[in-house]
Amino acid sequence: MKPLVDRFGRRITYLRVSVTDRCNQRCNYCSRPQEEHKERSQVLTFSELTEIISVMASMGVEKIRFTGGEPLVRKGIAELVRMVNAIEGIKETTLTTNATLLSRFAKELKEAGLKRVNVSLDTLDAEKFRIITGGGRLSQVLEGIDAALSEGLVPLKVNTVVMRGINEDELASIIDFARERGISARFIECMPMRDGFDWKKHYIPISEVLEREDIKERVAVEEKREEGGAEYILPLRDGSGRVGFISPLSNRFCERCNRLRLTADGRLHLCLPRDMDVSLRDAIRGGADRESLEAIIRKAVELKPKEGEYTFSTEGRKKSMIHIGG
């Protein structure tokens, strides 16, 4: 079948699938304190999800990343992983998680065919973690990381949103934490992804991170940057690993974008910072066959913009990250 290519020549091979807009944490940059969620009837069933993924796999989508909300709060998530891995053309399934439930599900996910996980980890301080996440327990995350490593869900990465006045003093410690465990750290610029969060107050460009002496002591910042999707990667000075840097605001990577997002309620989201999406749930529940679904997807991809546009205001945006999918 003809590959899925947008009007700028970017081939779409990667789909991030939000299986729920619910989460057992309330991270300040991701969701409002009293977030409204979709009714269960509005959320795609496993059958609907696999139907969409199967059609997209036939058009060249090879990699699926399960996200949320928190994907591990979706009942039966390992069965969904198994179903998706059985789809012809899917080469890899991965998952992004806050890891609070990962120790419970790591073995089951591995047996279902999940390849690896990314873990959100913004601090190594238990009290700070509780504040950032709205009551979360750091110990659960550390247990989840250990369980994932034990089950071979590797290479494992920890994702850290860099926030001035909150965790910029811990970046070197997070690199050391990752290096000691044979995993990779990734630092992500704080973005305006929900209203009510004063992201400008906390924003630090990656260029500033790379100027810090404690980072330069550990990371070979002078080396040529290896591009990897949304991130660029630099080696550790001791040769024991690498560190990723994601800079959606200060150093756009739109020209390399090969991804789409599918929200929990079945909307194909075309660009992370733009409120552009098309409902696939309505099409499926309206009786669309595979050919019709393919046509809708191709037409939607034609709308994918050349570049994302963030809302540069203290109000952020109306649609929270938790509803789009991480």
Protein backbone atom coordinates (compact mmCIF):
# COMPACT_ATOMS: atom_id res chain seq x y z
CA MET A 1 0.00 0.00 0.00
CA LYS A 2 1.09 3.57 -0.63
CA PRO A 3 3.08 4.93 2.35
CA LEU A 4 1.53 7.56 4.61
CA VAL A 5 3.33 10.78 3.62
CA ASP A 6 2.30 14.34 4.39
CA ARG A 7 2.43 17.24 1.91
CA PHE A 8 5.94 18.18 3.09
CA GLY A 9 7.35 14.75 2.29
CA ARG A 10 7.52 13.48 5.87
CA ARG A 11 6.74 9.78 6.08
CA ILE A 12 4.57 8.82 9.06
CA THR A 13 5.86 5.67 10.74
CA TYR A 14 5.16 6.35 14.43
CA LEU A 15 1.84 6.52 16.28
CA ARG A 16 1.49 7.50 19.93
CA VAL A 17 -1.68 5.94 21.30
CA SER A 18 -3.32 7.39 24.40
CA VAL A 19 -5.29 4.55 25.98
CA THR A 20 -6.81 6.75 28.70
CA ASP A 21 -7.01 10.38 29.74
CA ARG A 22 -6.98 9.38 33.40
CA CYS A 23 -3.94 9.37 35.65
CA ASN A 24 -3.15 8.52 39.25
CA GLN A 25 -1.00 11.65 39.52
CA ARG A 26 -1.62 15.36 38.96
CA CYS A 27 1.64 16.77 37.64
CA ASN A 28 1.40 20.56 37.56
CA TYR A 29 2.50 21.03 33.94
CA CYS A 30 0.26 18.30 32.53
CA SER A 31 -3.21 18.56 34.06
CA ARG A 32 -5.39 20.87 36.10
CA PRO A 33 -6.06 20.02 39.78
CA GLN A 34 -9.70 19.20 38.96
CA GLU A 35 -9.43 17.77 35.46
CA GLU A 36 -12.55 16.58 33.65
CA HIS A 37 -12.29 13.20 31.95
CA LYS A 38 -14.06 11.46 29.11
CA GLU A 39 -16.89 9.08 29.91
CA ARG A 40 -16.00 5.43 29.46
CA SER A 41 -18.35 5.18 26.47
CA GLN A 42 -16.35 7.92 24.73
CA VAL A 43 -13.04 6.06 25.02
CA LEU A 44 -11.98 3.68 22.26
CA THR A 45 -12.38 -0.03 22.96
CA PHE A 46 -9.45 -2.39 22.39
CA SER A 47 -11.20 -3.65 19.25
CA GLU A 48 -11.52 -0.10 17.89
CA LEU A 49 -7.93 0.70 18.75
CA THR A 50 -6.57 -2.36 17.01
CA GLU A 51 -8.74 -1.68 13.96
CA ILE A 52 -7.27 1.81 13.60
CA ILE A 53 -3.73 0.62 14.24
CA SER A 54 -4.13 -2.22 11.73
CA VAL A 55 -5.20 0.22 9.01
CA MET A 56 -2.33 2.56 9.82
CA ALA A 57 0.16 -0.33 9.89
CA SER A 58 -0.91 -1.21 6.36
CA MET A 59 0.11 2.35 5.42
CA GLY A 60 3.56 2.06 6.93
CA VAL A 61 3.19 2.84 10.64
CA GLU A 62 5.71 0.57 12.36
CA LYS A 63 6.10 1.84 15.91
CA ILE A 64 3.42 2.22 18.56
CA ARG A 65 3.95 4.00 21.87
CA PHE A 66 1.21 3.62 24.48
CA THR A 67 0.62 6.74 26.56
CA GLY A 68 -2.07 8.37 28.67
CA GLY A 69 -2.91 9.89 31.03
CA GLU A 70 -1.21 7.00 32.71
CA PRO A 71 -1.55 3.93 30.47
CA LEU A 72 -1.19 1.43 33.31
CA VAL A 73 -4.47 2.54 34.87
CA ARG A 74 -6.30 1.18 31.80
CA LYS A 75 -7.63 -2.25 32.73
CA GLY A 76 -6.20 -5.02 30.56
CA ILE A 77 -3.39 -2.94 29.07
CA ALA A 78 -1.15 -5.99 28.63
CA GLU A 79 -3.82 -7.67 26.51
CA LEU A 80 -3.93 -4.59 24.27
CA VAL A 81 -0.15 -4.76 23.90
CA ARG A 82 -0.48 -8.41 22.88
CA MET A 83 -3.20 -7.58 20.34
CA VAL A 84 -1.18 -4.77 18.77
CA ASN A 85 1.97 -6.85 18.55
CA ALA A 86 0.01 -9.40 16.53
CA ILE A 87 -0.78 -6.81 13.84
CA GLU A 88 1.19 -7.32 10.64
CA GLY A 89 3.65 -4.50 10.07
CA ILE A 90 4.06 -3.43 13.69
CA LYS A 91 7.74 -3.77 14.54
CA GLU A 92 7.87 -2.29 18.03
CA THR A 93 5.56 -1.44 20.92
CA THR A 94 6.76 0.79 23.73
CA LEU A 95 5.16 2.62 26.64
CA THR A 96 5.57 5.90 28.51
CA THR A 97 4.58 5.69 32.18
CA ASN A 98 4.93 7.41 35.53
CA ALA A 99 6.00 3.93 36.75
CA THR A 100 3.96 3.99 39.95
CA LEU A 101 2.23 0.77 38.85
CA LEU A 102 5.07 -0.63 36.78
CA SER A 103 6.35 -3.08 39.39
CA ARG A 104 2.93 -4.76 39.24
CA PHE A 105 2.74 -4.99 35.45
CA ALA A 106 6.34 -5.20 34.16
CA LYS A 107 6.41 -9.00 33.82
CA GLU A 108 3.00 -9.15 32.15
CA LEU A 109 3.89 -6.38 29.72
CA LYS A 110 7.16 -8.06 28.76
CA GLU A 111 5.36 -11.35 28.14
CA ALA A 112 2.85 -9.49 25.95
CA GLY A 113 5.68 -8.32 23.71
CA LEU A 114 6.35 -4.78 24.95
CA LYS A 115 9.92 -3.85 24.04
CA ARG A 116 10.80 -1.01 26.40
CA VAL A 117 9.52 1.82 28.57
CA ASN A 118 10.16 5.51 29.17
CA VAL A 119 9.59 6.70 32.73
CA SER A 120 8.65 10.23 33.74
CA LEU A 121 10.98 11.29 36.56
CA ASP A 122 11.27 14.99 37.36
CA THR A 123 13.03 14.74 40.71
CA LEU A 124 14.86 12.34 43.01
CA ASP A 125 13.66 14.18 46.12
CA ALA A 126 10.70 12.41 47.71
CA GLU A 127 9.06 15.54 49.10
CA LYS A 128 9.55 17.50 45.90
CA PHE A 129 8.14 14.55 43.98
CA ARG A 130 5.04 14.60 46.17
CA ILE A 131 4.52 18.29 45.44
CA ILE A 132 5.09 18.05 41.66
CA THR A 133 2.81 15.04 41.24
CA GLY A 134 0.08 16.06 43.62
CA GLY A 135 0.77 13.40 46.22
CA GLY A 136 2.80 10.73 44.41
CA ARG A 137 5.35 8.45 46.06
CA LEU A 138 8.86 8.40 44.59
CA SER A 139 9.52 4.96 46.07
CA GLN A 140 6.88 3.44 43.77
CA VAL A 141 8.61 4.88 40.72
CA LEU A 142 12.01 3.54 41.77
CA GLU A 143 10.48 0.11 42.35
CA GLY A 144 8.90 0.29 38.91
CA ILE A 145 12.21 1.14 37.27
CA ASP A 146 13.92 -1.78 39.01
CA ALA A 147 11.13 -4.15 37.93
CA ALA A 148 11.35 -2.99 34.31
CA LEU A 149 15.10 -3.53 34.27
CA SER A 150 14.69 -6.94 35.84
CA GLU A 151 12.20 -7.98 33.16
CA GLY A 152 14.36 -6.67 30.32
CA LEU A 153 12.19 -3.74 29.24
CA VAL A 154 15.23 -1.99 27.84
CA PRO A 155 16.71 0.33 26.78
CA LEU A 156 14.92 2.26 29.53
CA LYS A 157 14.86 6.06 29.51
CA VAL A 158 13.86 8.52 32.18
CA ASN A 159 12.17 11.72 30.97
CA THR A 160 12.76 14.86 33.01
CA VAL A 161 10.92 18.13 32.34
CA VAL A 162 13.42 20.86 33.24
CA MET A 163 11.77 23.52 35.42
CA ARG A 164 13.46 26.60 36.83
CA GLY A 165 12.99 26.95 40.55
CA ILE A 166 11.85 23.35 40.85
CA ASN A 167 14.40 20.81 39.65
CA GLU A 168 17.20 22.51 37.71
CA ASP A 169 19.53 21.79 40.63
CA GLU A 170 19.02 18.03 40.20
CA LEU A 171 19.92 17.48 36.55
CA ALA A 172 23.43 16.21 37.24
CA SER A 173 22.09 13.89 39.93
CA ILE A 174 19.55 12.47 37.50
CA ILE A 175 22.33 11.79 34.97
CA ASP A 176 24.29 9.98 37.70
CA PHE A 177 21.19 8.03 38.74
CA ALA A 178 20.64 6.89 35.16
CA ARG A 179 24.29 6.05 34.53
CA GLU A 180 24.52 3.91 37.66
CA ARG A 181 21.58 1.81 36.41
CA GLY A 182 22.62 1.56 32.79
CA ILE A 183 19.68 3.64 31.58
CA SER A 184 19.45 6.94 29.72
CA ALA A 185 18.36 10.36 30.93
CA ARG A 186 16.42 12.72 28.67
CA PHE A 187 15.80 16.38 29.46
CA ILE A 188 12.76 18.13 28.01
CA GLU A 189 12.03 21.85 27.88
CA CYS A 190 8.98 22.96 29.81
CA MET A 191 6.13 23.71 27.38
CA PRO A 192 2.86 25.67 27.56
CA MET A 193 0.64 22.59 27.59
CA ARG A 194 -2.24 23.59 29.82
CA ASP A 195 -3.94 26.76 30.98
CA GLY A 196 -3.34 27.95 34.51
CA PHE A 197 0.31 26.85 34.55
CA ASP A 198 2.82 29.71 34.38
CA TRP A 199 5.28 27.89 32.17
CA LYS A 200 7.33 31.04 31.44
CA LYS A 201 8.28 31.22 35.10
CA HIS A 202 9.83 27.75 34.90
CA TYR A 203 11.10 27.63 31.31
CA ILE A 204 14.81 26.91 30.76
CA PRO A 205 16.15 26.46 27.22
CA ILE A 206 18.28 23.38 26.63
CA SER A 207 21.14 25.64 25.53
CA GLU A 208 21.29 26.98 29.08
CA VAL A 209 21.32 23.45 30.49
CA LEU A 210 24.33 22.60 28.32
CA GLU A 211 26.24 25.61 29.68
CA ARG A 212 26.08 24.37 33.26
CA GLU A 213 29.43 23.22 34.62
CA ASP A 214 27.96 20.16 36.36
CA ILE A 215 26.45 19.06 33.04
CA LYS A 216 29.63 19.73 31.04
CA GLU A 217 31.57 17.66 33.56
CA ARG A 218 29.40 14.67 32.66
CA VAL A 219 28.26 15.24 29.07
CA ALA A 220 30.50 15.78 26.03
CA VAL A 221 28.62 18.89 24.94
CA GLU A 222 31.24 19.72 22.30
CA GLU A 223 30.61 16.48 20.39
CA LYS A 224 28.52 16.39 17.22
CA ARG A 225 24.89 15.97 18.13
CA GLU A 226 23.22 12.80 16.93
CA GLU A 227 19.62 13.42 15.91
CA GLY A 228 17.05 10.89 17.06
CA GLY A 229 13.49 11.79 16.20
CA ALA A 230 12.44 14.58 18.54
CA GLU A 231 15.72 14.64 20.43
CA TYR A 232 19.40 15.12 19.91
CA ILE A 233 21.79 12.89 21.76
CA LEU A 234 25.20 13.50 23.32
CA PRO A 235 27.60 10.96 24.88
CA LEU A 236 28.68 10.86 28.50
CA ARG A 237 32.36 11.74 28.95
CA ASP A 238 33.18 8.41 30.54
CA GLY A 239 31.67 6.52 27.60
CA SER A 240 29.11 4.75 29.78
CA GLY A 241 26.01 6.04 28.02
CA ARG A 242 24.23 8.93 26.36
CA VAL A 243 21.91 11.77 27.31
CA GLY A 244 19.00 13.03 25.23
CA PHE A 245 17.83 16.62 24.94
CA ILE A 246 14.41 17.63 23.63
CA SER A 247 13.96 21.30 22.80
CA PRO A 248 10.53 21.87 21.23
CA LEU A 249 10.61 25.62 21.88
CA SER A 250 14.22 26.71 21.40
CA ASN A 251 15.30 24.31 18.66
CA ARG A 252 12.37 22.99 16.64
CA PHE A 253 12.54 19.52 15.12
CA CYS A 254 9.38 19.75 13.00
CA GLU A 255 11.22 18.86 9.79
CA ARG A 256 11.95 15.42 11.28
CA CYS A 257 8.44 14.78 12.60
CA ASN A 258 7.28 11.29 11.65
CA ARG A 259 4.47 10.91 14.17
CA LEU A 260 0.80 11.27 14.86
CA ARG A 261 -1.14 10.96 18.10
CA LEU A 262 -4.37 9.08 18.70
CA THR A 263 -6.28 10.39 21.70
CA ALA A 264 -8.18 8.14 24.08
CA ASP A 265 -11.49 9.23 22.57
CA GLY A 266 -10.33 8.44 19.05
CA ARG A 267 -9.18 11.75 17.61
CA LEU A 268 -6.17 11.66 15.31
CA HIS A 269 -4.07 14.57 16.58
CA LEU A 270 -1.82 15.91 13.84
CA CYS A 271 0.61 18.19 15.70
CA LEU A 272 1.32 18.34 19.43
CA PRO A 273 1.09 22.14 19.99
CA ARG A 274 -1.75 22.73 17.53
CA ASP A 275 -5.40 21.98 18.20
CA MET A 276 -5.83 20.05 14.95
CA ASP A 277 -7.51 16.66 14.95
CA VAL A 278 -9.95 14.42 13.12
CA SER A 279 -12.33 11.94 14.76
CA LEU A 280 -11.71 8.31 13.81
CA ARG A 281 -14.05 7.06 16.51
CA ASP A 282 -17.01 8.67 14.81
CA ALA A 283 -16.04 7.03 11.54
CA ILE A 284 -15.68 3.56 13.06
CA ARG A 285 -18.89 3.79 15.07
CA GLY A 286 -20.61 5.12 11.97
CA GLY A 287 -19.77 1.92 10.11
CA ALA A 288 -16.70 2.95 8.10
CA ASP A 289 -14.86 0.05 6.46
CA ARG A 290 -11.05 -0.18 6.12
CA GLU A 291 -10.95 1.66 2.82
CA SER A 292 -13.05 4.51 4.18
CA LEU A 293 -10.92 4.71 7.32
CA GLU A 294 -7.77 4.79 5.24
CA ALA A 295 -9.16 7.63 3.14
CA ILE A 296 -10.03 9.66 6.26
CA ILE A 297 -6.54 9.14 7.68
CA ARG A 298 -4.82 10.16 4.43
CA LYS A 299 -6.97 13.26 4.13
CA ALA A 300 -6.22 14.16 7.75
CA VAL A 301 -2.46 13.79 7.23
CA GLU A 302 -2.68 16.30 4.37
CA LEU A 303 -3.63 18.86 7.04
CA LYS A 304 -0.52 18.22 9.14
CA PRO A 305 1.24 21.61 9.37
CA LYS A 306 4.83 22.29 8.47
CA GLU A 307 5.55 23.59 11.97
CA GLY A 308 3.87 23.58 15.34
CA GLU A 309 2.68 26.79 16.95
CA TYR A 310 2.80 27.06 20.73
CA THR A 311 0.65 29.52 22.64
CA PHE A 312 3.25 31.83 24.15
CA SER A 313 1.21 33.19 27.03
CA THR A 314 0.94 32.47 30.72
CA GLU A 315 -2.46 30.93 30.07
CA GLY A 316 -0.92 28.06 28.10
CA ARG A 317 -3.54 26.24 26.03
CA LYS A 318 -7.12 25.10 26.52
CA LYS A 319 -6.51 21.39 25.89
CA SER A 320 -4.28 19.87 28.59
CA MET A 321 -1.48 17.46 27.76
CA ILE A 322 -3.30 14.73 29.65
CA HIS A 323 -6.05 14.76 26.99
CA ILE A 324 -3.69 14.78 24.00
CA GLY A 325 -1.40 11.98 25.10
CA GLY A 326 2.23 12.26 26.20
